[in-house]
Amino acid sequence: MRFLLKAVFPPALLLAACTAAPLPLVSPPTAAVDPEPATDGPSATQAPHSKFVGGVYAIGHDARAHVLARNWHPGCPVPITDLRLVKVTYRNFKGDVRTGPLIVHARVADDVLWVFRQLFQARFPIHRIGLAPRPKPIDRDSTRNLTSSFNCREATGNPGSLSQHSYGWAIDINPLQNPYVRSDGSVLRAAAKPYRDRTRDRPGMIHAGDVVVRSFAQIGWEWGGNWHTLKDYMHFSATGT
């Protein structure tokens, strides 16, 4: 049986859940994963093969330096020691095989690794996977298209409330092709406007019932594309928020 930390809890209770009660760990279907040489480097690299390679690692020196400089600060709801570096291979929009890093909570790291193995095998294209940059005001002219995970910051559109990315419980995939759409139909960045039309079927877009949604559902995560008052098509989280 799979368990979820449901979205009905207010932010204060979610924070308490992080510190007082463990996030339920959902075990994915057993799948062999090819080992990768241990590395703590955060940068994405060209992979010399077309076979999925991935692994879960403790936060090493390079990744820790990145997190401390950009994404973590005193007051964040999760200590760095509870985070893990997940390295995965993926296919970019040109079909090239690359390796990229994600940082997530230790309790979901193996599940996340399993999901990205499914996406690789299904040949779902991802523009780029990398560690999130320093939080800053949204640039409406930005064309950044980074798939990323941990980022200790406020929730989009909800100042004063922590994003689920702050706990290492959320991942955004191809944010340009899968925009955050407000209830009035507006988007955060101008470049994402063409992708408000979800009847389109362009590379990197996520649709209900596709391999991305199904794979995350297998580990108990929910999709922001199923939200009712607004849509966050890039967003998947263990809590549903």
Protein backbone atom coordinates (compact mmCIF):
# COMPACT_ATOMS: atom_id res chain seq x y z
CA MET A 1 0.00 0.00 0.00
CA ARG A 2 1.28 3.45 -0.88
CA PHE A 3 1.02 6.47 1.43
CA LEU A 4 0.92 10.20 0.76
CA LEU A 5 1.46 13.31 2.89
CA LYS A 6 -1.72 14.98 1.68
CA ALA A 7 -2.00 18.56 0.48
CA VAL A 8 -4.75 19.50 2.93
CA PHE A 9 -2.25 20.33 5.65
CA PRO A 10 -1.37 24.03 6.03
CA PRO A 11 2.30 25.10 5.62
CA ALA A 12 2.84 25.20 9.38
CA LEU A 13 1.87 21.55 9.70
CA LEU A 14 4.01 20.60 6.72
CA LEU A 15 6.99 22.20 8.44
CA ALA A 16 6.20 20.29 11.60
CA ALA A 17 5.90 17.10 9.58
CA CYS A 18 9.39 17.59 8.23
CA THR A 19 10.95 17.98 11.64
CA ALA A 20 8.74 15.81 13.87
CA ALA A 21 7.50 12.97 11.63
CA PRO A 22 9.23 11.23 8.73
CA LEU A 23 7.93 11.58 5.21
CA PRO A 24 6.40 8.24 4.18
CA LEU A 25 8.82 6.37 1.96
CA VAL A 26 7.21 4.79 -1.07
CA SER A 27 9.22 1.96 -2.58
CA PRO A 28 9.12 1.86 -6.38
CA PRO A 29 8.89 -1.38 -8.30
CA THR A 30 12.21 -3.18 -8.11
CA ALA A 31 14.45 -2.13 -10.99
CA ALA A 32 18.13 -2.74 -11.45
CA VAL A 33 20.10 0.45 -11.89
CA ASP A 34 23.56 0.47 -13.39
CA PRO A 35 26.14 1.89 -10.97
CA GLU A 36 27.88 5.17 -11.64
CA PRO A 37 31.35 6.10 -10.44
CA ALA A 38 31.02 8.09 -7.22
CA THR A 39 31.12 11.82 -7.79
CA ASP A 40 29.97 14.86 -5.89
CA GLY A 41 30.32 17.28 -8.77
CA PRO A 42 27.10 19.19 -9.48
CA SER A 43 27.61 19.90 -13.16
CA ALA A 44 25.82 18.14 -16.01
CA THR A 45 28.03 16.19 -18.39
CA GLN A 46 27.95 14.43 -21.74
CA ALA A 47 27.34 10.72 -21.21
CA PRO A 48 29.37 8.43 -23.49
CA HIS A 49 26.66 5.77 -23.74
CA SER A 50 22.95 5.31 -24.37
CA LYS A 51 22.26 3.10 -21.35
CA PHE A 52 20.74 4.54 -18.20
CA VAL A 53 23.32 5.22 -15.51
CA GLY A 54 22.41 6.67 -12.16
CA GLY A 55 23.02 6.64 -8.46
CA VAL A 56 22.26 8.18 -5.08
CA TYR A 57 25.13 9.79 -3.16
CA ALA A 58 25.75 11.69 0.03
CA ILE A 59 26.27 15.42 -0.52
CA GLY A 60 29.97 15.72 -1.32
CA HIS A 61 32.21 18.76 -1.28
CA ASP A 62 31.26 20.30 -4.64
CA ALA A 63 27.51 19.84 -4.28
CA ARG A 64 27.61 21.03 -0.66
CA ALA A 65 29.45 24.19 -1.71
CA HIS A 66 26.80 24.85 -4.37
CA VAL A 67 23.91 24.29 -1.96
CA LEU A 68 25.43 26.50 0.72
CA ALA A 69 26.12 29.27 -1.79
CA ARG A 70 22.74 29.24 -3.53
CA ASN A 71 19.95 27.12 -2.14
CA TRP A 72 20.33 26.51 1.59
CA HIS A 73 20.53 28.96 4.47
CA PRO A 74 19.94 28.86 8.23
CA GLY A 75 16.22 28.48 8.81
CA CYS A 76 15.65 26.05 5.94
CA PRO A 77 13.37 23.22 7.11
CA VAL A 78 15.77 20.39 6.23
CA PRO A 79 19.45 20.00 7.16
CA ILE A 80 21.92 19.34 4.35
CA THR A 81 22.72 15.98 5.94
CA ASP A 82 19.15 14.86 5.14
CA LEU A 83 19.59 15.64 1.43
CA ARG A 84 21.05 13.38 -1.26
CA LEU A 85 22.60 13.95 -4.66
CA VAL A 86 20.87 11.91 -7.37
CA LYS A 87 22.79 11.65 -10.66
CA VAL A 88 20.81 10.49 -13.70
CA THR A 89 21.26 10.16 -17.43
CA TYR A 90 18.62 11.74 -19.67
CA ARG A 91 18.01 12.51 -23.34
CA ASN A 92 17.95 16.17 -24.31
CA PHE A 93 15.86 17.70 -27.08
CA LYS A 94 18.52 16.80 -29.66
CA GLY A 95 18.49 13.18 -28.55
CA ASP A 96 21.94 13.44 -26.94
CA VAL A 97 22.47 11.49 -23.74
CA ARG A 98 23.58 13.67 -20.82
CA THR A 99 24.12 13.23 -17.10
CA GLY A 100 22.65 15.70 -14.64
CA PRO A 101 22.27 16.19 -10.88
CA LEU A 102 19.21 16.52 -8.68
CA ILE A 103 19.18 17.12 -4.93
CA VAL A 104 16.25 15.64 -3.01
CA HIS A 105 15.39 14.47 0.49
CA ALA A 106 17.08 11.20 1.42
CA ARG A 107 13.70 9.51 1.96
CA VAL A 108 12.66 9.96 -1.67
CA ALA A 109 16.03 9.67 -3.42
CA ASP A 110 15.71 6.04 -4.54
CA ASP A 111 12.17 6.69 -5.78
CA VAL A 112 13.32 9.69 -7.82
CA LEU A 113 16.13 7.64 -9.34
CA TRP A 114 13.61 5.01 -10.41
CA VAL A 115 11.35 7.63 -12.04
CA PHE A 116 14.14 9.10 -14.14
CA ARG A 117 15.13 5.64 -15.27
CA GLN A 118 11.59 5.22 -16.63
CA LEU A 119 11.75 8.57 -18.42
CA PHE A 120 15.09 7.67 -19.99
CA GLN A 121 13.83 4.32 -21.22
CA ALA A 122 10.70 5.98 -22.63
CA ARG A 123 12.94 8.52 -24.44
CA PHE A 124 11.11 11.45 -22.85
CA PRO A 125 13.20 14.55 -23.67
CA ILE A 126 14.47 16.87 -20.95
CA HIS A 127 16.14 20.12 -21.96
CA ARG A 128 18.64 20.17 -19.08
CA ILE A 129 18.92 18.80 -15.55
CA GLY A 130 20.88 20.83 -13.04
CA LEU A 131 21.01 22.21 -9.52
CA ALA A 132 18.68 25.14 -8.97
CA PRO A 133 20.13 28.67 -9.08
CA ARG A 134 19.86 31.18 -6.25
CA PRO A 135 16.22 32.23 -5.70
CA LYS A 136 15.49 35.62 -7.25
CA PRO A 137 12.57 37.63 -8.65
CA ILE A 138 11.05 36.05 -11.73
CA ASP A 139 12.39 37.43 -15.01
CA ARG A 140 9.48 37.51 -17.45
CA ASP A 141 11.89 37.52 -20.39
CA SER A 142 13.88 34.52 -19.19
CA THR A 143 14.02 31.43 -21.39
CA ARG A 144 15.73 29.29 -18.72
CA ASN A 145 14.51 25.72 -19.03
CA LEU A 146 16.10 23.86 -16.14
CA THR A 147 14.75 20.68 -14.61
CA SER A 148 15.65 20.94 -10.92
CA SER A 149 14.64 19.94 -7.42
CA PHE A 150 15.80 21.27 -4.03
CA ASN A 151 15.60 25.04 -3.60
CA CYS A 152 14.90 26.64 -0.21
CA ARG A 153 12.49 29.42 -1.21
CA GLU A 154 8.95 30.73 -0.92
CA ALA A 155 6.16 29.03 -2.82
CA THR A 156 5.32 30.61 -6.16
CA GLY A 157 2.28 32.85 -5.78
CA ASN A 158 2.13 32.33 -2.02
CA PRO A 159 4.54 34.67 -0.23
CA GLY A 160 5.37 33.65 3.31
CA SER A 161 4.79 29.98 2.62
CA LEU A 162 7.67 27.63 1.90
CA SER A 163 7.78 25.80 -1.41
CA GLN A 164 7.88 22.01 -1.27
CA HIS A 165 11.23 22.36 -3.05
CA SER A 166 12.52 23.65 0.30
CA TYR A 167 12.10 20.17 1.76
CA GLY A 168 13.57 18.27 -1.17
CA TRP A 169 10.12 16.81 -1.88
CA ALA A 170 9.45 18.39 -5.30
CA ILE A 171 10.82 18.45 -8.84
CA ASP A 172 10.08 20.79 -11.78
CA ILE A 173 10.47 19.30 -15.28
CA ASN A 174 10.95 21.36 -18.47
CA PRO A 175 9.40 24.55 -17.00
CA LEU A 176 9.28 26.30 -20.37
CA GLN A 177 7.15 23.60 -22.00
CA ASN A 178 5.18 23.03 -18.79
CA PRO A 179 4.39 26.47 -17.36
CA TYR A 180 2.83 27.69 -14.16
CA VAL A 181 -0.58 29.03 -15.28
CA ARG A 182 -2.58 31.26 -12.96
CA SER A 183 -6.35 31.03 -12.66
CA ASP A 184 -6.70 34.01 -15.02
CA GLY A 185 -4.66 32.21 -17.69
CA SER A 186 -1.51 34.30 -17.28
CA VAL A 187 1.95 32.71 -17.04
CA LEU A 188 5.09 33.70 -15.16
CA ARG A 189 7.27 34.08 -18.26
CA ALA A 190 6.40 35.35 -21.74
CA ALA A 191 8.31 32.56 -23.48
CA ALA A 192 5.97 29.99 -21.95
CA LYS A 193 2.77 31.51 -23.39
CA PRO A 194 2.51 29.16 -26.39
CA TYR A 195 2.45 26.20 -24.01
CA ARG A 196 -0.68 27.31 -22.18
CA ASP A 197 -2.50 25.42 -24.92
CA ARG A 198 -2.28 21.87 -23.57
CA THR A 199 -3.84 20.40 -26.70
CA ARG A 200 -0.41 20.85 -28.25
CA ASP A 201 1.88 17.85 -28.29
CA ARG A 202 5.42 19.18 -28.47
CA PRO A 203 8.63 17.53 -27.21
CA GLY A 204 9.06 17.93 -23.47
CA MET A 205 5.42 18.69 -22.72
CA ILE A 206 3.73 16.70 -19.95
CA HIS A 207 0.16 15.49 -20.40
CA ALA A 208 -2.31 13.65 -18.20
CA GLY A 209 -1.68 9.92 -18.30
CA ASP A 210 1.69 10.11 -20.03
CA VAL A 211 4.86 8.34 -18.93
CA VAL A 212 5.94 11.24 -16.68
CA VAL A 213 2.65 11.44 -14.78
CA ARG A 214 2.35 7.66 -14.56
CA SER A 215 5.91 7.20 -13.30
CA PHE A 216 5.58 9.79 -10.55
CA ALA A 217 2.19 8.35 -9.60
CA GLN A 218 3.90 4.96 -9.13
CA ILE A 219 5.97 6.43 -6.29
CA GLY A 220 2.99 8.27 -4.81
CA TRP A 221 3.81 11.77 -6.10
CA GLU A 222 1.17 14.12 -7.49
CA TRP A 223 1.21 16.44 -10.49
CA GLY A 224 0.52 20.19 -10.44
CA GLY A 225 -1.28 19.80 -13.77
CA ASN A 226 -4.15 18.25 -11.83
CA TRP A 227 -4.63 21.26 -9.57
CA HIS A 228 -7.97 23.07 -9.90
CA THR A 229 -7.53 26.79 -9.15
CA LEU A 230 -4.27 27.05 -11.10
CA LYS A 231 -2.00 24.71 -13.04
CA ASP A 232 1.68 24.03 -12.40
CA TYR A 233 2.41 21.68 -15.28
CA MET A 234 6.13 21.36 -14.49
CA HIS A 235 5.64 20.42 -10.83
CA PHE A 236 5.63 17.04 -9.11
CA SER A 237 5.72 16.61 -5.33
CA ALA A 238 5.50 13.96 -2.64
CA THR A 239 2.90 16.02 -0.76
CA GLY A 240 0.71 17.03 -3.70
CA THR A 241 1.38 20.74 -3.08
